[in-house]
PDB file of N, CA and C in Angstrom:
ATOM      1  N   UNK A   1      32.124 119.320  61.390  1.00  0.00           N
ATOM      2  CA  UNK A   1      32.417 120.704  61.010  1.00  0.00           C
ATOM      3  C   UNK A   1      32.970 120.765  59.526  1.00  0.00           C
ATOM      4  N   UNK A   2      32.502 121.700  58.938  1.00  0.00           N
ATOM      5  CA  UNK A   2      32.975 121.872  57.590  1.00  0.00           C
ATOM      6  C   UNK A   2      33.557 123.235  57.156  1.00  0.00           C
ATOM      7  N   UNK A   3      34.444 123.392  56.364  1.00  0.00           N
ATOM      8  CA  UNK A   3      34.917 124.486  55.894  1.00  0.00           C
ATOM      9  C   UNK A   3      34.560 125.094  54.466  1.00  0.00           C
ATOM     10  N   UNK A   4      34.182 126.320  54.434  1.00  0.00           N
ATOM     11  CA  UNK A   4      33.610 126.927  52.979  1.00  0.00           C
ATOM     12  C   UNK A   4      34.835 127.611  52.309  1.00  0.00           C
ATOM     13  N   UNK A   5      35.168 127.102  51.263  1.00  0.00           N
ATOM     14  CA  UNK A   5      36.231 127.636  50.418  1.00  0.00           C
ATOM     15  C   UNK A   5      35.448 128.422  49.099  1.00  0.00           C
ATOM     16  N   UNK A   6      35.754 129.603  48.999  1.00  0.00           N
ATOM     17  CA  UNK A   6      35.033 130.339  47.816  1.00  0.00           C
ATOM     18  C   UNK A   6      36.361 130.616  46.858  1.00  0.00           C
ATOM     19  N   UNK A   7      36.045 130.526  45.648  1.00  0.00           N
ATOM     20  CA  UNK A   7      37.102 130.767  44.719  1.00  0.00           C
ATOM     21  C   UNK A   7      36.432 131.891  43.787  1.00  0.00           C
ATOM     22  N   UNK A   8      37.341 133.131  43.686  1.00  0.00           N
ATOM     23  CA  UNK A   8      37.032 134.075  42.805  1.00  0.00           C
ATOM     24  C   UNK A   8      37.967 134.238  41.604  1.00  0.00           C
ATOM     25  N   UNK A   9      37.505 134.588  40.367  1.00  0.00           N
ATOM     26  CA  UNK A   9      36.281 135.363  40.432  1.00  0.00           C
ATOM     27  C   UNK A   9      35.036 134.423  39.990  1.00  0.00           C
ATOM     28  N   UNK A  10      35.256 133.217  40.065  1.00  0.00           N
ATOM     29  CA  UNK A  10      34.044 132.314  39.500  1.00  0.00           C
ATOM     30  C   UNK A  10      32.912 132.322  40.556  1.00  0.00           C
ATOM     31  N   UNK A  11      33.355 132.668  41.841  1.00  0.00           N
ATOM     32  CA  UNK A  11      32.404 132.611  43.033  1.00  0.00           C
ATOM     33  C   UNK A  11      31.716 131.274  43.288  1.00  0.00           C
ATOM     34  N   UNK A  12      32.644 130.107  42.620  1.00  0.00           N
ATOM     35  CA  UNK A  12      32.352 128.873  42.970  1.00  0.00           C
ATOM     36  C   UNK A  12      32.734 128.501  44.310  1.00  0.00           C
ATOM     37  N   UNK A  13      32.170 127.646  45.063  1.00  0.00           N
ATOM     38  CA  UNK A  13      32.497 127.482  46.497  1.00  0.00           C
ATOM     39  C   UNK A  13      32.222 125.963  46.674  1.00  0.00           C
ATOM     40  N   UNK A  14      33.063 125.493  47.732  1.00  0.00           N
ATOM     41  CA  UNK A  14      32.855 123.988  48.289  1.00  0.00           C
ATOM     42  C   UNK A  14      33.028 124.007  49.603  1.00  0.00           C
ATOM     43  N   UNK A  15      32.321 122.860  50.210  1.00  0.00           N
ATOM     44  CA  UNK A  15      32.605 122.628  51.487  1.00  0.00           C
ATOM     45  C   UNK A  15      33.535 121.634  51.809  1.00  0.00           C
ATOM     46  N   UNK A  16      34.484 121.619  52.529  1.00  0.00           N
ATOM     47  CA  UNK A  16      35.577 120.405  52.839  1.00  0.00           C
ATOM     48  C   UNK A  16      35.770 120.366  54.297  1.00  0.00           C
ATOM     49  N   UNK A  17      36.253 119.187  54.573  1.00  0.00           N
ATOM     50  CA  UNK A  17      36.638 118.822  56.057  1.00  0.00           C
ATOM     51  C   UNK A  17      38.000 119.558  56.385  1.00  0.00           C
ATOM     52  N   UNK A  18      38.047 120.064  57.692  1.00  0.00           N
ATOM     53  CA  UNK A  18      39.229 120.641  58.213  1.00  0.00           C
ATOM     54  C   UNK A  18      40.520 119.756  57.718  1.00  0.00           C
ATOM     55  N   UNK A  19      41.409 120.446  57.548  1.00  0.00           N
ATOM     56  CA  UNK A  19      42.732 119.636  57.324  1.00  0.00           C
ATOM     57  C   UNK A  19      42.843 119.169  55.854  1.00  0.00           C
ATOM     58  N   UNK A  20      41.835 119.555  55.080  1.00  0.00           N
ATOM     59  CA  UNK A  20      42.132 119.375  53.670  1.00  0.00           C
ATOM     60  C   UNK A  20      42.933 120.635  52.917  1.00  0.00           C
ATOM     61  N   UNK A  21      43.726 119.904  52.032  1.00  0.00           N
ATOM     62  CA  UNK A  21      44.493 120.850  51.291  1.00  0.00           C
ATOM     63  C   UNK A  21      43.817 121.905  50.375  1.00  0.00           C
ATOM     64  N   UNK A  22      44.263 122.861  50.205  1.00  0.00           N
ATOM     65  CA  UNK A  22      43.814 123.972  49.207  1.00  0.00           C
ATOM     66  C   UNK A  22      43.641 123.243  47.993  1.00  0.00           C
ATOM     67  N   UNK A  23      44.695 122.566  47.522  1.00  0.00           N
ATOM     68  CA  UNK A  23      44.801 122.056  46.288  1.00  0.00           C
ATOM     69  C   UNK A  23      43.602 120.929  45.928  1.00  0.00           C
ATOM     70  N   UNK A  24      43.180 120.342  46.994  1.00  0.00           N
ATOM     71  CA  UNK A  24      42.075 119.126  46.961  1.00  0.00           C
ATOM     72  C   UNK A  24      40.690 120.031  46.797  1.00  0.00           C
ATOM     73  N   UNK A  25      40.732 121.201  47.534  1.00  0.00           N
ATOM     74  CA  UNK A  25      39.275 122.021  47.386  1.00  0.00           C
ATOM     75  C   UNK A  25      39.312 122.472  46.155  1.00  0.00           C
ATOM     76  N   UNK A  26      40.428 122.864  45.315  1.00  0.00           N
ATOM     77  CA  UNK A  26      40.157 123.419  43.979  1.00  0.00           C
ATOM     78  C   UNK A  26      39.911 122.367  43.148  1.00  0.00           C
ATOM     79  N   UNK A  27      40.236 121.149  43.293  1.00  0.00           N
ATOM     80  CA  UNK A  27      39.916 119.929  42.522  1.00  0.00           C
ATOM     81  C   UNK A  27      38.468 119.794  42.908  1.00  0.00           C
ATOM     82  N   UNK A  28      38.028 119.713  44.049  1.00  0.00           N
ATOM     83  CA  UNK A  28      36.570 119.485  44.452  1.00  0.00           C
ATOM     84  C   UNK A  28      35.734 120.594  43.812  1.00  0.00           C
ATOM     85  N   UNK A  29      36.224 121.727  43.622  1.00  0.00           N
ATOM     86  CA  UNK A  29      35.300 122.818  42.983  1.00  0.00           C
ATOM     87  C   UNK A  29      35.423 122.743  41.412  1.00  0.00           C
ATOM     88  N   UNK A  30      36.101 121.627  40.844  1.00  0.00           N
ATOM     89  CA  UNK A  30      36.198 121.484  39.602  1.00  0.00           C
ATOM     90  C   UNK A  30      36.836 122.614  38.720  1.00  0.00           C
ATOM     91  N   UNK A  31      37.740 123.275  39.249  1.00  0.00           N
ATOM     92  CA  UNK A  31      38.458 124.324  38.814  1.00  0.00           C
ATOM     93  C   UNK A  31      39.825 124.062  38.251  1.00  0.00           C
ATOM     94  N   UNK A  32      40.411 124.694  37.282  1.00  0.00           N
ATOM     95  CA  UNK A  32      41.873 124.355  36.837  1.00  0.00           C
ATOM     96  C   UNK A  32      42.804 124.823  37.946  1.00  0.00           C
ATOM     97  N   UNK A  33      43.875 123.749  38.160  1.00  0.00           N
ATOM     98  CA  UNK A  33      44.956 124.287  39.217  1.00  0.00           C
ATOM     99  C   UNK A  33      46.393 123.702  38.548  1.00  0.00           C
ATOM    100  N   UNK A  34      47.203 124.752  38.575  1.00  0.00           N
ATOM    101  CA  UNK A  34      48.507 124.239  37.699  1.00  0.00           C
ATOM    102  C   UNK A  34      49.404 123.232  38.729  1.00  0.00           C
ATOM    103  N   UNK A  35      49.836 122.125  38.158  1.00  0.00           N
ATOM    104  CA  UNK A  35      50.798 121.309  38.795  1.00  0.00           C
ATOM    105  C   UNK A  35      51.396 120.362  37.862  1.00  0.00           C
ATOM    106  N   UNK A  36      52.910 120.455  37.929  1.00  0.00           N
ATOM    107  CA  UNK A  36      53.449 119.437  37.256  1.00  0.00           C
ATOM    108  C   UNK A  36      54.091 118.433  37.812  1.00  0.00           C
ATOM    109  N   UNK A  37      53.893 118.496  39.366  1.00  0.00           N
ATOM    110  CA  UNK A  37      54.402 117.414  40.170  1.00  0.00           C
ATOM    111  C   UNK A  37      53.485 116.665  40.808  1.00  0.00           C
ATOM    112  N   UNK A  38      52.182 116.779  40.349  1.00  0.00           N
ATOM    113  CA  UNK A  38      51.131 115.856  40.857  1.00  0.00           C
ATOM    114  C   UNK A  38      50.543 116.206  42.462  1.00  0.00           C
ATOM    115  N   UNK A  39      51.096 117.558  42.992  1.00  0.00           N
ATOM    116  CA  UNK A  39      50.610 118.056  44.012  1.00  0.00           C
ATOM    117  C   UNK A  39      51.584 117.159  45.168  1.00  0.00           C
ATOM    118  N   UNK A  40      52.761 117.157  44.856  1.00  0.00           N
ATOM    119  CA  UNK A  40      53.931 116.578  45.640  1.00  0.00           C
ATOM    120  C   UNK A  40      54.672 117.441  46.446  1.00  0.00           C
ATOM    121  N   UNK A  41      54.300 119.017  46.098  1.00  0.00           N
ATOM    122  CA  UNK A  41      55.080 119.923  46.842  1.00  0.00           C
ATOM    123  C   UNK A  41      56.385 120.171  46.225  1.00  0.00           C
ATOM    124  N   UNK A  42      56.539 120.047  44.914  1.00  0.00           N
ATOM    125  CA  UNK A  42      58.042 120.261  44.363  1.00  0.00           C
ATOM    126  C   UNK A  42      57.972 121.309  43.257  1.00  0.00           C
ATOM    127  N   UNK A  43      57.020 121.439  42.542  1.00  0.00           N
ATOM    128  CA  UNK A  43      56.963 122.419  41.254  1.00  0.00           C
ATOM    129  C   UNK A  43      56.761 123.830  41.643  1.00  0.00           C
ATOM    130  N   UNK A  44      55.859 124.067  42.566  1.00  0.00           N
ATOM    131  CA  UNK A  44      55.668 125.485  43.022  1.00  0.00           C
ATOM    132  C   UNK A  44      54.580 126.288  41.971  1.00  0.00           C
ATOM    133  N   UNK A  45      53.869 125.388  41.285  1.00  0.00           N
ATOM    134  CA  UNK A  45      52.876 125.880  40.215  1.00  0.00           C
ATOM    135  C   UNK A  45      51.333 126.236  40.699  1.00  0.00           C
ATOM    136  N   UNK A  46      51.290 125.552  41.904  1.00  0.00           N
ATOM    137  CA  UNK A  46      49.788 125.695  42.450  1.00  0.00           C
ATOM    138  C   UNK A  46      49.691 126.887  43.446  1.00  0.00           C
ATOM    139  N   UNK A  47      50.251 127.908  43.165  1.00  0.00           N
ATOM    140  CA  UNK A  47      50.198 129.046  44.122  1.00  0.00           C
ATOM    141  C   UNK A  47      48.799 129.639  43.817  1.00  0.00           C
ATOM    142  N   UNK A  48      48.215 129.973  45.033  1.00  0.00           N
ATOM    143  CA  UNK A  48      46.958 130.551  45.250  1.00  0.00           C
ATOM    144  C   UNK A  48      47.009 131.941  45.978  1.00  0.00           C
ATOM    145  N   UNK A  49      46.465 133.002  45.789  1.00  0.00           N
ATOM    146  CA  UNK A  49      46.411 134.240  46.532  1.00  0.00           C
ATOM    147  C   UNK A  49      45.234 134.135  47.483  1.00  0.00           C
ATOM    148  N   UNK A  50      45.394 134.217  48.791  1.00  0.00           N
ATOM    149  CA  UNK A  50      44.315 134.476  49.898  1.00  0.00           C
ATOM    150  C   UNK A  50      43.741 135.961  49.643  1.00  0.00           C
ATOM    151  N   UNK A  51      42.400 136.014  49.696  1.00  0.00           N
ATOM    152  CA  UNK A  51      41.694 137.243  49.491  1.00  0.00           C
ATOM    153  C   UNK A  51      40.963 137.361  50.912  1.00  0.00           C
ATOM    154  N   UNK A  52      40.599 136.515  51.388  1.00  0.00           N
ATOM    155  CA  UNK A  52      40.014 136.636  52.781  1.00  0.00           C
ATOM    156  C   UNK A  52      39.992 135.342  53.715  1.00  0.00           C
ATOM    157  N   UNK A  53      40.234 135.617  54.957  1.00  0.00           N
ATOM    158  CA  UNK A  53      40.507 134.429  55.918  1.00  0.00           C
ATOM    159  C   UNK A  53      41.881 134.409  56.423  1.00  0.00           C
ATOM    160  N   UNK A  54      42.435 133.365  57.119  1.00  0.00           N
ATOM    161  CA  UNK A  54      43.703 133.331  57.610  1.00  0.00           C
ATOM    162  C   UNK A  54      44.063 131.726  57.327  1.00  0.00           C
ATOM    163  N   UNK A  55      45.443 131.764  56.986  1.00  0.00           N
ATOM    164  CA  UNK A  55      46.027 130.481  56.632  1.00  0.00           C
ATOM    165  C   UNK A  55      47.244 130.261  57.662  1.00  0.00           C
ATOM    166  N   UNK A  56      47.424 129.079  57.901  1.00  0.00           N
ATOM    167  CA  UNK A  56      48.633 128.743  58.781  1.00  0.00           C
ATOM    168  C   UNK A  56      49.971 129.318  58.283  1.00  0.00           C
ATOM    169  N   UNK A  57      50.894 129.742  59.139  1.00  0.00           N
ATOM    170  CA  UNK A  57      52.097 130.326  58.311  1.00  0.00           C
ATOM    171  C   UNK A  57      52.731 129.138  57.600  1.00  0.00           C
ATOM    172  N   UNK A  58      53.412 129.621  56.491  1.00  0.00           N
ATOM    173  CA  UNK A  58      54.176 128.704  55.576  1.00  0.00           C
ATOM    174  C   UNK A  58      55.244 127.787  56.132  1.00  0.00           C
ATOM    175  N   UNK A  59      55.121 126.419  55.955  1.00  0.00           N
ATOM    176  CA  UNK A  59      56.116 125.716  56.578  1.00  0.00           C
ATOM    177  C   UNK A  59      57.564 125.903  55.897  1.00  0.00           C
ATOM    178  N   UNK A  60      58.657 125.314  56.419  1.00  0.00           N
ATOM    179  CA  UNK A  60      59.836 125.811  55.920  1.00  0.00           C
ATOM    180  C   UNK A  60      59.826 125.105  54.547  1.00  0.00           C
ATOM    181  N   UNK A  61      59.345 124.043  54.315  1.00  0.00           N
ATOM    182  CA  UNK A  61      59.473 123.362  53.057  1.00  0.00           C
ATOM    183  C   UNK A  61      58.737 124.364  52.040  1.00  0.00           C
ATOM    184  N   UNK A  62      57.617 124.753  52.398  1.00  0.00           N
ATOM    185  CA  UNK A  62      56.857 125.711  51.345  1.00  0.00           C
ATOM    186  C   UNK A  62      57.691 126.987  51.063  1.00  0.00           C
ATOM    187  N   UNK A  63      58.386 127.386  52.090  1.00  0.00           N
ATOM    188  CA  UNK A  63      59.212 128.680  51.861  1.00  0.00           C
ATOM    189  C   UNK A  63      60.389 128.140  50.860  1.00  0.00           C
ATOM    190  N   UNK A  64      60.903 126.974  51.173  1.00  0.00           N
ATOM    191  CA  UNK A  64      61.986 126.640  50.413  1.00  0.00           C
ATOM    192  C   UNK A  64      61.689 126.453  48.889  1.00  0.00           C
ATOM    193  N   UNK A  65      60.575 125.701  48.597  1.00  0.00           N
ATOM    194  CA  UNK A  65      60.023 125.344  47.355  1.00  0.00           C
ATOM    195  C   UNK A  65      59.752 126.568  46.471  1.00  0.00           C
ATOM    196  N   UNK A  66      58.982 127.498  47.263  1.00  0.00           N
ATOM    197  CA  UNK A  66      58.617 128.872  46.778  1.00  0.00           C
ATOM    198  C   UNK A  66      59.813 129.686  46.243  1.00  0.00           C
ATOM    199  N   UNK A  67      60.758 129.612  47.174  1.00  0.00           N
ATOM    200  CA  UNK A  67      62.054 130.433  46.807  1.00  0.00           C
ATOM    201  C   UNK A  67      62.755 129.809  45.777  1.00  0.00           C
ATOM    202  N   UNK A  68      62.926 128.636  45.711  1.00  0.00           N
ATOM    203  CA  UNK A  68      63.674 127.919  44.695  1.00  0.00           C
ATOM    204  C   UNK A  68      62.853 128.103  43.270  1.00  0.00           C
ATOM    205  N   UNK A  69      61.440 128.053  43.275  1.00  0.00           N
ATOM    206  CA  UNK A  69      60.882 128.209  42.116  1.00  0.00           C
ATOM    207  C   UNK A  69      60.474 129.797  41.792  1.00  0.00           C
ATOM    208  N   UNK A  70      60.989 130.717  42.700  1.00  0.00           N
ATOM    209  CA  UNK A  70      60.646 132.036  42.294  1.00  0.00           C
ATOM    210  C   UNK A  70      59.371 132.400  42.251  1.00  0.00           C
ATOM    211  N   UNK A  71      58.571 131.902  43.342  1.00  0.00           N
ATOM    212  CA  UNK A  71      57.049 132.168  43.320  1.00  0.00           C
ATOM    213  C   UNK A  71      56.792 133.496  44.133  1.00  0.00           C
ATOM    214  N   UNK A  72      55.991 134.341  43.563  1.00  0.00           N
ATOM    215  CA  UNK A  72      55.614 135.358  44.165  1.00  0.00           C
ATOM    216  C   UNK A  72      55.155 135.080  45.716  1.00  0.00           C
ATOM    217  N   UNK A  73      55.797 136.152  46.476  1.00  0.00           N
ATOM    218  CA  UNK A  73      55.518 135.893  47.985  1.00  0.00           C
ATOM    219  C   UNK A  73      54.136 136.092  48.537  1.00  0.00           C
ATOM    220  N   UNK A  74      53.337 136.714  47.558  1.00  0.00           N
ATOM    221  CA  UNK A  74      51.942 136.668  47.974  1.00  0.00           C
ATOM    222  C   UNK A  74      51.089 135.393  47.820  1.00  0.00           C
ATOM    223  N   UNK A  75      51.762 134.370  47.080  1.00  0.00           N
ATOM    224  CA  UNK A  75      50.990 133.186  46.784  1.00  0.00           C
ATOM    225  C   UNK A  75      51.285 132.263  47.871  1.00  0.00           C
ATOM    226  N   UNK A  76      50.487 131.190  48.016  1.00  0.00           N
ATOM    227  CA  UNK A  76      50.519 130.139  48.913  1.00  0.00           C
ATOM    228  C   UNK A  76      50.626 128.921  47.960  1.00  0.00           C
ATOM    229  N   UNK A  77      51.308 127.823  48.452  1.00  0.00           N
ATOM    230  CA  UNK A  77      51.429 126.676  47.559  1.00  0.00           C
ATOM    231  C   UNK A  77      50.227 125.825  47.970  1.00  0.00           C
ATOM    232  N   UNK A  78      49.213 125.730  47.167  1.00  0.00           N
ATOM    233  CA  UNK A  78      47.831 125.099  47.638  1.00  0.00           C
ATOM    234  C   UNK A  78      47.900 123.626  47.970  1.00  0.00           C
ATOM    235  N   UNK A  79      49.067 122.867  47.553  1.00  0.00           N
ATOM    236  CA  UNK A  79      49.250 121.452  48.017  1.00  0.00           C
ATOM    237  C   UNK A  79      49.811 121.287  49.278  1.00  0.00           C
ATOM    238  N   UNK A  80      50.219 122.280  49.752  1.00  0.00           N
ATOM    239  CA  UNK A  80      51.139 122.360  51.083  1.00  0.00           C
ATOM    240  C   UNK A  80      50.255 122.977  52.405  1.00  0.00           C
ATOM    241  N   UNK A  81      49.171 123.810  51.670  1.00  0.00           N
ATOM    242  CA  UNK A  81      48.451 124.265  52.818  1.00  0.00           C
ATOM    243  C   UNK A  81      47.063 123.654  53.261  1.00  0.00           C
ATOM    244  N   UNK A  82      46.958 123.306  54.455  1.00  0.00           N
ATOM    245  CA  UNK A  82      45.745 122.766  54.918  1.00  0.00           C
ATOM    246  C   UNK A  82      44.882 123.821  55.715  1.00  0.00           C
ATOM    247  N   UNK A  83      43.588 123.674  55.265  1.00  0.00           N
ATOM    248  CA  UNK A  83      42.513 124.671  55.657  1.00  0.00           C
ATOM    249  C   UNK A  83      42.268 124.419  57.031  1.00  0.00           C
ATOM    250  N   UNK A  84      41.806 125.583  57.871  1.00  0.00           N
ATOM    251  CA  UNK A  84      41.293 125.420  59.210  1.00  0.00           C
ATOM    252  C   UNK A  84      40.069 126.254  59.464  1.00  0.00           C
ATOM    253  N   UNK A  85      39.787 127.161  58.537  1.00  0.00           N
ATOM    254  CA  UNK A  85      38.613 128.082  58.564  1.00  0.00           C
ATOM    255  C   UNK A  85      38.264 128.536  56.916  1.00  0.00           C
ATOM    256  N   UNK A  86      36.879 129.251  56.948  1.00  0.00           N
ATOM    257  CA  UNK A  86      36.605 129.533  55.780  1.00  0.00           C
ATOM    258  C   UNK A  86      37.456 130.626  55.062  1.00  0.00           C
ATOM    259  N   UNK A  87      37.611 130.460  53.722  1.00  0.00           N
ATOM    260  CA  UNK A  87      38.525 131.095  53.004  1.00  0.00           C
ATOM    261  C   UNK A  87      37.961 131.783  51.818  1.00  0.00           C
ATOM    262  N   UNK A  88      38.417 132.723  51.182  1.00  0.00           N
ATOM    263  CA  UNK A  88      38.234 133.120  49.762  1.00  0.00           C
ATOM    264  C   UNK A  88      39.619 133.379  49.108  1.00  0.00           C
ATOM    265  N   UNK A  89      39.699 132.715  47.987  1.00  0.00           N
ATOM    266  CA  UNK A  89      41.255 132.584  47.291  1.00  0.00           C
ATOM    267  C   UNK A  89      40.852 132.835  45.774  1.00  0.00           C
ATOM    268  N   UNK A  90      42.045 133.039  45.099  1.00  0.00           N
ATOM    269  CA  UNK A  90      41.986 133.184  43.754  1.00  0.00           C
ATOM    270  C   UNK A  90      43.285 132.587  43.323  1.00  0.00           C
ATOM    271  N   UNK A  91      43.382 132.612  41.906  1.00  0.00           N
ATOM    272  CA  UNK A  91      44.791 132.296  41.262  1.00  0.00           C
ATOM    273  C   UNK A  91      44.897 133.264  40.243  1.00  0.00           C
ATOM    274  N   UNK A  92      46.051 133.587  39.928  1.00  0.00           N
ATOM    275  CA  UNK A  92      46.358 134.782  38.952  1.00  0.00           C
ATOM    276  C   UNK A  92      45.760 134.429  37.461  1.00  0.00           C
ATOM    277  N   UNK A  93      45.643 133.160  37.238  1.00  0.00           N
ATOM    278  CA  UNK A  93      45.336 132.815  35.835  1.00  0.00           C
ATOM    279  C   UNK A  93      43.722 132.467  35.848  1.00  0.00           C
ATOM    280  N   UNK A  94      43.025 132.633  36.859  1.00  0.00           N
ATOM    281  CA  UNK A  94      41.564 132.277  36.759  1.00  0.00           C
ATOM    282  C   UNK A  94      40.837 133.491  36.031  1.00  0.00           C
TER     283      UNK A  94
END
């Protein structure tokens, strides 16, 4: 089984294995992704906005990092989110 992730507005898409992080999917799509912590879940810069599909609820750690870094609550930290179904996402800077 593979999961298809489409990135807007580029319309670039990748197929990834279930449980892949959104961060790794962005890297696989060869799109830029902000991160000063190397995807270690500390900086809060890798926020993506979900346009279509469903993501698991944020973990306590994701909420804590997002709050500490004043991340827009509409963004999900891509290094902490593991995909389970087809999605469409965007970053505010794409």
